[in-house]
Amino acid sequence: MKTLICKTEQETESLGGRLMRALPVPSFVALYGGLGAGKTALVRGMGAQAGTDEVRSPTFTIVHEYETDPPLIHFDAYRLADAEELRAIGFEEYMAKNAVLVLEWAERVPEALPTERLELHLSGSGNEPRTVRIVPSGAAYESVVNAL
C-alpha cells in the first residue's frame, strides 16, 4: 500500500499518466471516492498517456471504450443498482479484453470486482489536496505500486 498527495487537478492527472505507464496489460483498476474526489481527472491522465484527450465521465452511458494503445475501457457504476446491471452491459466480455479497465464508484459493485486488481481510494474535494491510497491485490499490482 502507498499513499500519495495530489495538490492540484493537474497532479491527479499526472498520477493517472504515471499509473498508465506502470500498469501491465490487461489490468483492472477500481476507483473509490465521493463526488469531486478526482476519479475522472485520474482517468483523464490515464487516457492522455494512452493517446486520447476524449476522456469524460461515463455516468450516463456506464462505459466508454477508447481506441488507445493500450485500449482503455472506462466504467462508471454511480447509477447502477447492483453488479447485475453491470453484467447486463457485457462486463464479463470487457473483462476478457486485452485492455486497461478502470471502474469508478467500485464501492457500488464490490461483488463484480476481480480478485486481482489495483484499488485507488481518493479523498478530498473542491480546492483541497487529494489523498490517494493505492492498494494492490496480486503480485502484478504490487510492482505497479512500487513503480509509482
Foldseek 3Di string as FASTA:
>chain_A
DDKDKAQDLVSLLCQLLLLLVLAAWPAEEEEAEDPALNQQSSVCSVCVNQPDNPGDDCVPVQWDWDVGVVTEIEGECPPPQECVVVVVVPVVVVVPDRHYYYYYPCVNYVVPDDQFHKYWYWYDHDSGIIMTDIDGRDPSVVSSVVSD
